[in-house]
């Protein structure tokens, strides 16, 4: 039998840690970023193109740029959700 079929699904997608509210989708995105930076760093060293520290430095700029760019794209393509026409 498939063991994963017996793991119950949580009632909500939120983990409450005191005053901190952690959404499951945000945690999964963060885990994906960490895994991608780790794997890319290993591949960079294997190919002799750089070090893991180089990949971390790239990620320090690339991840925030991707988040900001994604948000800008969302606002531009769904402008009607953000403009207030009651003024």
PDB file of N, CA and C in Angstrom:
ATOM      1  N   UNK A   1       0.837  -1.187   0.000  1.00  0.00           N
ATOM      2  CA  UNK A   1       0.000   0.000   0.000  1.00  0.00           C
ATOM      3  C   UNK A   1       0.881   1.250   0.000  1.00  0.00           C
ATOM      4  N   UNK A   2       0.318   2.304  -0.476  1.00  0.00           N
ATOM      5  CA  UNK A   2       1.017   3.575  -0.514  1.00  0.00           C
ATOM      6  C   UNK A   2       0.927   4.255   0.851  1.00  0.00           C
ATOM      7  N   UNK A   3       2.086   4.437   1.495  1.00  0.00           N
ATOM      8  CA  UNK A   3       2.124   5.030   2.833  1.00  0.00           C
ATOM      9  C   UNK A   3       1.639   6.477   2.810  1.00  0.00           C
ATOM     10  N   UNK A   4       1.935   7.202   1.741  1.00  0.00           N
ATOM     11  CA  UNK A   4       1.538   8.607   1.674  1.00  0.00           C
ATOM     12  C   UNK A   4       0.021   8.781   1.655  1.00  0.00           C
ATOM     13  N   UNK A   5      -0.692   7.785   1.231  1.00  0.00           N
ATOM     14  CA  UNK A   5      -2.143   7.879   1.195  1.00  0.00           C
ATOM     15  C   UNK A   5      -2.745   7.934   2.595  1.00  0.00           C
ATOM     16  N   UNK A   6      -2.001   7.494   3.593  1.00  0.00           N
ATOM     17  CA  UNK A   6      -2.505   7.461   4.962  1.00  0.00           C
ATOM     18  C   UNK A   6      -2.108   8.675   5.787  1.00  0.00           C
ATOM     19  N   UNK A   7      -1.321   9.596   5.206  1.00  0.00           N
ATOM     20  CA  UNK A   7      -0.936  10.817   5.916  1.00  0.00           C
ATOM     21  C   UNK A   7      -2.088  11.802   5.805  1.00  0.00           C
ATOM     22  N   UNK A   8      -2.646  12.240   6.943  1.00  0.00           N
ATOM     23  CA  UNK A   8      -3.795  13.153   6.862  1.00  0.00           C
ATOM     24  C   UNK A   8      -3.380  14.528   6.360  1.00  0.00           C
ATOM     25  N   UNK A   9      -4.266  15.145   5.630  1.00  0.00           N
ATOM     26  CA  UNK A   9      -4.035  16.496   5.136  1.00  0.00           C
ATOM     27  C   UNK A   9      -4.391  17.480   6.247  1.00  0.00           C
ATOM     28  N   UNK A  10      -3.593  18.543   6.423  1.00  0.00           N
ATOM     29  CA  UNK A  10      -3.939  19.525   7.450  1.00  0.00           C
ATOM     30  C   UNK A  10      -5.238  20.249   7.117  1.00  0.00           C
ATOM     31  N   UNK A  11      -5.933  20.712   8.154  1.00  0.00           N
ATOM     32  CA  UNK A  11      -7.196  21.418   7.964  1.00  0.00           C
ATOM     33  C   UNK A  11      -7.032  22.738   7.246  1.00  0.00           C
ATOM     34  N   UNK A  12      -5.922  23.418   7.482  1.00  0.00           N
ATOM     35  CA  UNK A  12      -5.640  24.687   6.809  1.00  0.00           C
ATOM     36  C   UNK A  12      -4.232  24.646   6.250  1.00  0.00           C
ATOM     37  N   UNK A  13      -3.912  25.576   5.408  1.00  0.00           N
ATOM     38  CA  UNK A  13      -2.575  25.674   4.839  1.00  0.00           C
ATOM     39  C   UNK A  13      -1.703  26.642   5.604  1.00  0.00           C
ATOM     40  N   UNK A  14      -1.986  26.808   6.913  1.00  0.00           N
ATOM     41  CA  UNK A  14      -1.270  27.788   7.722  1.00  0.00           C
ATOM     42  C   UNK A  14      -0.708  27.112   8.966  1.00  0.00           C
ATOM     43  N   UNK A  15       0.550  27.425   9.265  1.00  0.00           N
ATOM     44  CA  UNK A  15       1.180  26.960  10.492  1.00  0.00           C
ATOM     45  C   UNK A  15       1.389  28.178  11.381  1.00  0.00           C
ATOM     46  N   UNK A  16       0.777  28.164  12.551  1.00  0.00           N
ATOM     47  CA  UNK A  16       0.851  29.294  13.480  1.00  0.00           C
ATOM     48  C   UNK A  16       1.962  29.032  14.489  1.00  0.00           C
ATOM     49  N   UNK A  17       2.999  29.869  14.489  1.00  0.00           N
ATOM     50  CA  UNK A  17       4.104  29.777  15.440  1.00  0.00           C
ATOM     51  C   UNK A  17       4.120  31.044  16.286  1.00  0.00           C
ATOM     52  N   UNK A  18       3.327  31.061  17.334  1.00  0.00           N
ATOM     53  CA  UNK A  18       3.186  32.262  18.152  1.00  0.00           C
ATOM     54  C   UNK A  18       2.567  33.366  17.319  1.00  0.00           C
ATOM     55  N   UNK A  19       3.213  34.535  17.261  1.00  0.00           N
ATOM     56  CA  UNK A  19       2.656  35.631  16.462  1.00  0.00           C
ATOM     57  C   UNK A  19       2.949  35.480  14.960  1.00  0.00           C
ATOM     58  N   UNK A  20       3.783  34.506  14.601  1.00  0.00           N
ATOM     59  CA  UNK A  20       4.177  34.305  13.205  1.00  0.00           C
ATOM     60  C   UNK A  20       3.225  33.338  12.514  1.00  0.00           C
ATOM     61  N   UNK A  21       2.682  33.759  11.386  1.00  0.00           N
ATOM     62  CA  UNK A  21       1.791  32.922  10.588  1.00  0.00           C
ATOM     63  C   UNK A  21       2.528  32.523   9.312  1.00  0.00           C
ATOM     64  N   UNK A  22       2.756  31.222   9.143  1.00  0.00           N
ATOM     65  CA  UNK A  22       3.504  30.708   8.000  1.00  0.00           C
ATOM     66  C   UNK A  22       2.550  29.961   7.078  1.00  0.00           C
ATOM     67  N   UNK A  23       2.369  30.479   5.863  1.00  0.00           N
ATOM     68  CA  UNK A  23       1.524  29.817   4.870  1.00  0.00           C
ATOM     69  C   UNK A  23       2.303  28.678   4.233  1.00  0.00           C
ATOM     70  N   UNK A  24       1.614  27.577   3.958  1.00  0.00           N
ATOM     71  CA  UNK A  24       2.267  26.395   3.395  1.00  0.00           C
ATOM     72  C   UNK A  24       2.880  26.695   2.035  1.00  0.00           C
ATOM     73  N   UNK A  25       2.176  27.478   1.197  1.00  0.00           N
ATOM     74  CA  UNK A  25       2.728  27.766  -0.128  1.00  0.00           C
ATOM     75  C   UNK A  25       4.019  28.591  -0.020  1.00  0.00           C
ATOM     76  N   UNK A  26       4.085  29.486   0.952  1.00  0.00           N
ATOM     77  CA  UNK A  26       5.298  30.280   1.145  1.00  0.00           C
ATOM     78  C   UNK A  26       6.461  29.424   1.613  1.00  0.00           C
ATOM     79  N   UNK A  27       6.171  28.477   2.499  1.00  0.00           N
ATOM     80  CA  UNK A  27       7.217  27.564   2.976  1.00  0.00           C
ATOM     81  C   UNK A  27       7.737  26.703   1.833  1.00  0.00           C
ATOM     82  N   UNK A  28       6.842  26.244   0.966  1.00  0.00           N
ATOM     83  CA  UNK A  28       7.270  25.404  -0.160  1.00  0.00           C
ATOM     84  C   UNK A  28       8.088  26.197  -1.168  1.00  0.00           C
ATOM     85  N   UNK A  29       7.723  27.452  -1.394  1.00  0.00           N
ATOM     86  CA  UNK A  29       8.516  28.299  -2.288  1.00  0.00           C
ATOM     87  C   UNK A  29       9.908  28.507  -1.701  1.00  0.00           C
ATOM     88  N   UNK A  30       9.978  28.789  -0.395  1.00  0.00           N
ATOM     89  CA  UNK A  30      11.270  28.992   0.257  1.00  0.00           C
ATOM     90  C   UNK A  30      12.129  27.730   0.195  1.00  0.00           C
ATOM     91  N   UNK A  31      11.523  26.574   0.441  1.00  0.00           N
ATOM     92  CA  UNK A  31      12.278  25.315   0.338  1.00  0.00           C
ATOM     93  C   UNK A  31      12.772  25.087  -1.086  1.00  0.00           C
ATOM     94  N   UNK A  32      11.963  25.435  -2.070  1.00  0.00           N
ATOM     95  CA  UNK A  32      12.380  25.306  -3.462  1.00  0.00           C
ATOM     96  C   UNK A  32      13.553  26.205  -3.804  1.00  0.00           C
ATOM     97  N   UNK A  33      13.540  27.427  -3.284  1.00  0.00           N
ATOM     98  CA  UNK A  33      14.650  28.357  -3.520  1.00  0.00           C
ATOM     99  C   UNK A  33      15.927  27.828  -2.873  1.00  0.00           C
ATOM    100  N   UNK A  34      15.823  27.363  -1.639  1.00  0.00           N
ATOM    101  CA  UNK A  34      16.997  26.820  -0.945  1.00  0.00           C
ATOM    102  C   UNK A  34      17.553  25.619  -1.709  1.00  0.00           C
ATOM    103  N   UNK A  35      16.689  24.717  -2.143  1.00  0.00           N
ATOM    104  CA  UNK A  35      17.135  23.540  -2.893  1.00  0.00           C
ATOM    105  C   UNK A  35      17.780  23.933  -4.217  1.00  0.00           C
ATOM    106  N   UNK A  36      17.200  24.910  -4.911  1.00  0.00           N
ATOM    107  CA  UNK A  36      17.745  25.342  -6.193  1.00  0.00           C
ATOM    108  C   UNK A  36      19.119  25.991  -6.029  1.00  0.00           C
ATOM    109  N   UNK A  37      19.288  26.808  -5.005  1.00  0.00           N
ATOM    110  CA  UNK A  37      20.585  27.456  -4.766  1.00  0.00           C
ATOM    111  C   UNK A  37      21.628  26.412  -4.388  1.00  0.00           C
ATOM    112  N   UNK A  38      21.236  25.467  -3.540  1.00  0.00           N
ATOM    113  CA  UNK A  38      22.167  24.406  -3.129  1.00  0.00           C
ATOM    114  C   UNK A  38      22.610  23.563  -4.329  1.00  0.00           C
ATOM    115  N   UNK A  39      21.625  23.107  -5.120  1.00  0.00           N
ATOM    116  CA  UNK A  39      21.943  22.266  -6.274  1.00  0.00           C
ATOM    117  C   UNK A  39      22.744  23.034  -7.323  1.00  0.00           C
ATOM    118  N   UNK A  40      22.372  24.279  -7.569  1.00  0.00           N
ATOM    119  CA  UNK A  40      23.111  25.091  -8.546  1.00  0.00           C
ATOM    120  C   UNK A  40      24.544  25.323  -8.105  1.00  0.00           C
ATOM    121  N   UNK A  41      24.745  25.539  -6.797  1.00  0.00           N
ATOM    122  CA  UNK A  41      26.100  25.699  -6.274  1.00  0.00           C
ATOM    123  C   UNK A  41      26.948  24.463  -6.486  1.00  0.00           C
ATOM    124  N   UNK A  42      26.354  23.305  -6.253  1.00  0.00           N
ATOM    125  CA  UNK A  42      27.078  22.039  -6.484  1.00  0.00           C
ATOM    126  C   UNK A  42      27.435  21.884  -7.953  1.00  0.00           C
ATOM    127  N   UNK A  43      26.486  22.185  -8.833  1.00  0.00           N
ATOM    128  CA  UNK A  43      26.734  22.036 -10.272  1.00  0.00           C
ATOM    129  C   UNK A  43      27.772  23.046 -10.768  1.00  0.00           C
ATOM    130  N   UNK A  44      27.742  24.242 -10.183  1.00  0.00           N
ATOM    131  CA  UNK A  44      28.716  25.268 -10.552  1.00  0.00           C
ATOM    132  C   UNK A  44      30.134  24.801 -10.201  1.00  0.00           C
ATOM    133  N   UNK A  45      30.295  24.240  -9.001  1.00  0.00           N
ATOM    134  CA  UNK A  45      31.610  23.728  -8.595  1.00  0.00           C
ATOM    135  C   UNK A  45      32.033  22.532  -9.434  1.00  0.00           C
ATOM    136  N   UNK A  46      31.104  21.638  -9.748  1.00  0.00           N
ATOM    137  CA  UNK A  46      31.419  20.445 -10.537  1.00  0.00           C
ATOM    138  C   UNK A  46      31.939  20.815 -11.919  1.00  0.00           C
ATOM    139  N   UNK A  47      31.372  21.864 -12.492  1.00  0.00           N
ATOM    140  CA  UNK A  47      31.807  22.304 -13.823  1.00  0.00           C
ATOM    141  C   UNK A  47      33.019  23.226 -13.776  1.00  0.00           C
ATOM    142  N   UNK A  48      33.430  23.612 -12.577  1.00  0.00           N
ATOM    143  CA  UNK A  48      34.589  24.488 -12.441  1.00  0.00           C
ATOM    144  C   UNK A  48      34.307  25.922 -12.833  1.00  0.00           C
ATOM    145  N   UNK A  49      33.045  26.303 -12.830  1.00  0.00           N
ATOM    146  CA  UNK A  49      32.669  27.648 -13.251  1.00  0.00           C
ATOM    147  C   UNK A  49      32.568  28.627 -12.095  1.00  0.00           C
ATOM    148  N   UNK A  50      32.635  28.131 -10.865  1.00  0.00           N
ATOM    149  CA  UNK A  50      32.506  29.001  -9.700  1.00  0.00           C
ATOM    150  C   UNK A  50      32.387  28.184  -8.439  1.00  0.00           C
ATOM    151  N   UNK A  51      32.035  28.861  -7.360  1.00  0.00           N
ATOM    152  CA  UNK A  51      31.908  28.199  -6.061  1.00  0.00           C
ATOM    153  C   UNK A  51      30.468  28.293  -5.569  1.00  0.00           C
ATOM    154  N   UNK A  52      30.202  27.592  -4.486  1.00  0.00           N
ATOM    155  CA  UNK A  52      28.869  27.671  -3.873  1.00  0.00           C
ATOM    156  C   UNK A  52      28.603  29.076  -3.344  1.00  0.00           C
ATOM    157  N   UNK A  53      29.652  29.741  -2.901  1.00  0.00           N
ATOM    158  CA  UNK A  53      29.506  31.115  -2.426  1.00  0.00           C
ATOM    159  C   UNK A  53      29.109  32.047  -3.574  1.00  0.00           C
ATOM    160  N   UNK A  54      29.631  31.769  -4.765  1.00  0.00           N
ATOM    161  CA  UNK A  54      29.228  32.553  -5.940  1.00  0.00           C
ATOM    162  C   UNK A  54      27.731  32.403  -6.198  1.00  0.00           C
ATOM    163  N   UNK A  55      27.244  31.168  -6.093  1.00  0.00           N
ATOM    164  CA  UNK A  55      25.818  30.929  -6.315  1.00  0.00           C
ATOM    165  C   UNK A  55      24.985  31.611  -5.244  1.00  0.00           C
ATOM    166  N   UNK A  56      25.450  31.614  -4.010  1.00  0.00           N
ATOM    167  CA  UNK A  56      24.731  32.301  -2.941  1.00  0.00           C
ATOM    168  C   UNK A  56      24.670  33.803  -3.199  1.00  0.00           C
ATOM    169  N   UNK A  57      25.770  34.366  -3.695  1.00  0.00           N
ATOM    170  CA  UNK A  57      25.796  35.797  -4.005  1.00  0.00           C
ATOM    171  C   UNK A  57      24.834  36.126  -5.145  1.00  0.00           C
ATOM    172  N   UNK A  58      24.774  35.254  -6.145  1.00  0.00           N
ATOM    173  CA  UNK A  58      23.835  35.459  -7.249  1.00  0.00           C
ATOM    174  C   UNK A  58      22.406  35.397  -6.726  1.00  0.00           C
ATOM    175  N   UNK A  59      22.130  34.435  -5.841  1.00  0.00           N
ATOM    176  CA  UNK A  59      20.780  34.265  -5.298  1.00  0.00           C
ATOM    177  C   UNK A  59      20.359  35.458  -4.447  1.00  0.00           C
ATOM    178  N   UNK A  60      21.313  36.092  -3.758  1.00  0.00           N
ATOM    179  CA  UNK A  60      20.978  37.260  -2.933  1.00  0.00           C
ATOM    180  C   UNK A  60      20.396  38.390  -3.769  1.00  0.00           C
ATOM    181  N   UNK A  61      20.779  38.468  -5.020  1.00  0.00           N
ATOM    182  CA  UNK A  61      20.218  39.474  -5.920  1.00  0.00           C
ATOM    183  C   UNK A  61      19.074  38.913  -6.750  1.00  0.00           C
ATOM    184  N   UNK A  62      19.218  37.671  -7.199  1.00  0.00           N
ATOM    185  CA  UNK A  62      18.246  37.080  -8.100  1.00  0.00           C
ATOM    186  C   UNK A  62      16.894  36.776  -7.479  1.00  0.00           C
ATOM    187  N   UNK A  63      16.891  36.270  -6.261  1.00  0.00           N
ATOM    188  CA  UNK A  63      15.624  35.912  -5.618  1.00  0.00           C
ATOM    189  C   UNK A  63      14.767  37.153  -5.347  1.00  0.00           C
ATOM    190  N   UNK A  64      15.297  38.196  -4.702  1.00  0.00           N
ATOM    191  CA  UNK A  64      14.461  39.398  -4.520  1.00  0.00           C
ATOM    192  C   UNK A  64      14.026  40.030  -5.847  1.00  0.00           C
ATOM    193  N   UNK A  65      14.912  40.017  -6.846  1.00  0.00           N
ATOM    194  CA  UNK A  65      14.539  40.565  -8.158  1.00  0.00           C
ATOM    195  C   UNK A  65      13.394  39.767  -8.764  1.00  0.00           C
ATOM    196  N   UNK A  66      13.410  38.452  -8.598  1.00  0.00           N
ATOM    197  CA  UNK A  66      12.331  37.615  -9.112  1.00  0.00           C
ATOM    198  C   UNK A  66      11.017  37.856  -8.395  1.00  0.00           C
ATOM    199  N   UNK A  67      11.077  38.027  -7.076  1.00  0.00           N
ATOM    200  CA  UNK A  67       9.860  38.296  -6.300  1.00  0.00           C
ATOM    201  C   UNK A  67       9.267  39.647  -6.694  1.00  0.00           C
ATOM    202  N   UNK A  68      10.113  40.671  -6.779  1.00  0.00           N
ATOM    203  CA  UNK A  68       9.643  42.013  -7.153  1.00  0.00           C
ATOM    204  C   UNK A  68       9.115  42.008  -8.587  1.00  0.00           C
ATOM    205  N   UNK A  69       9.837  41.350  -9.496  1.00  0.00           N
ATOM    206  CA  UNK A  69       9.385  41.275 -10.886  1.00  0.00           C
ATOM    207  C   UNK A  69       8.069  40.537 -11.021  1.00  0.00           C
ATOM    208  N   UNK A  70       7.907  39.455 -10.265  1.00  0.00           N
ATOM    209  CA  UNK A  70       6.650  38.713 -10.297  1.00  0.00           C
ATOM    210  C   UNK A  70       5.487  39.541  -9.790  1.00  0.00           C
ATOM    211  N   UNK A  71       5.723  40.296  -8.737  1.00  0.00           N
ATOM    212  CA  UNK A  71       4.662  41.157  -8.188  1.00  0.00           C
ATOM    213  C   UNK A  71       4.306  42.265  -9.176  1.00  0.00           C
ATOM    214  N   UNK A  72       5.318  42.887  -9.780  1.00  0.00           N
ATOM    215  CA  UNK A  72       5.048  43.928 -10.782  1.00  0.00           C
ATOM    216  C   UNK A  72       4.241  43.374 -11.953  1.00  0.00           C
ATOM    217  N   UNK A  73       4.579  42.186 -12.410  1.00  0.00           N
ATOM    218  CA  UNK A  73       3.847  41.561 -13.499  1.00  0.00           C
ATOM    219  C   UNK A  73       2.390  41.332 -13.097  1.00  0.00           C
ATOM    220  N   UNK A  74       2.182  40.866 -11.873  1.00  0.00           N
ATOM    221  CA  UNK A  74       0.825  40.627 -11.383  1.00  0.00           C
ATOM    222  C   UNK A  74       0.020  41.930 -11.342  1.00  0.00           C
ATOM    223  N   UNK A  75       0.625  42.993 -10.835  1.00  0.00           N
ATOM    224  CA  UNK A  75      -0.077  44.276 -10.750  1.00  0.00           C
ATOM    225  C   UNK A  75      -0.382  44.820 -12.142  1.00  0.00           C
ATOM    226  N   UNK A  76       0.571  44.720 -13.055  1.00  0.00           N
ATOM    227  CA  UNK A  76       0.367  45.243 -14.414  1.00  0.00           C
ATOM    228  C   UNK A  76      -0.715  44.465 -15.145  1.00  0.00           C
ATOM    229  N   UNK A  77      -0.714  43.142 -15.020  1.00  0.00           N
ATOM    230  CA  UNK A  77      -1.681  42.341 -15.771  1.00  0.00           C
ATOM    231  C   UNK A  77      -3.064  42.304 -15.125  1.00  0.00           C
ATOM    232  N   UNK A  78      -3.160  42.613 -13.834  1.00  0.00           N
ATOM    233  CA  UNK A  78      -4.450  42.644 -13.136  1.00  0.00           C
ATOM    234  C   UNK A  78      -4.676  44.008 -12.497  1.00  0.00           C
ATOM    235  N   UNK A  79      -4.446  45.053 -13.266  1.00  0.00           N
ATOM    236  CA  UNK A  79      -4.513  46.413 -12.740  1.00  0.00           C
ATOM    237  C   UNK A  79      -5.867  46.734 -12.116  1.00  0.00           C
ATOM    238  N   UNK A  80      -6.943  46.185 -12.661  1.00  0.00           N
ATOM    239  CA  UNK A  80      -8.278  46.495 -12.155  1.00  0.00           C
ATOM    240  C   UNK A  80      -8.455  46.059 -10.698  1.00  0.00           C
ATOM    241  N   UNK A  81      -7.681  45.116 -10.230  1.00  0.00           N
ATOM    242  CA  UNK A  81      -7.743  44.696  -8.825  1.00  0.00           C
ATOM    243  C   UNK A  81      -7.103  45.715  -7.880  1.00  0.00           C
ATOM    244  N   UNK A  82      -6.234  46.561  -8.410  1.00  0.00           N
ATOM    245  CA  UNK A  82      -5.448  47.463  -7.573  1.00  0.00           C
ATOM    246  C   UNK A  82      -5.841  48.929  -7.695  1.00  0.00           C
ATOM    247  N   UNK A  83      -6.506  49.305  -8.766  1.00  0.00           N
ATOM    248  CA  UNK A  83      -6.883  50.710  -8.918  1.00  0.00           C
ATOM    249  C   UNK A  83      -8.185  50.982  -8.167  1.00  0.00           C
ATOM    250  N   UNK A  84      -8.241  52.127  -7.569  1.00  0.00           N
ATOM    251  CA  UNK A  84      -9.425  52.516  -6.795  1.00  0.00           C
ATOM    252  C   UNK A  84     -10.195  53.536  -7.613  1.00  0.00           C
ATOM    253  N   UNK A  85     -11.299  53.127  -8.192  1.00  0.00           N
ATOM    254  CA  UNK A  85     -12.074  54.008  -9.071  1.00  0.00           C
ATOM    255  C   UNK A  85     -13.136  54.794  -8.307  1.00  0.00           C
ATOM    256  N   UNK A  86     -13.182  54.696  -6.984  1.00  0.00           N
ATOM    257  CA  UNK A  86     -14.185  55.427  -6.209  1.00  0.00           C
ATOM    258  C   UNK A  86     -13.764  56.866  -5.938  1.00  0.00           C
ATOM    259  N   UNK A  87     -12.568  57.238  -6.335  1.00  0.00           N
ATOM    260  CA  UNK A  87     -12.079  58.603  -6.080  1.00  0.00           C
ATOM    261  C   UNK A  87     -12.652  59.581  -7.062  1.00  0.00           C
TER     262      UNK A  87
END
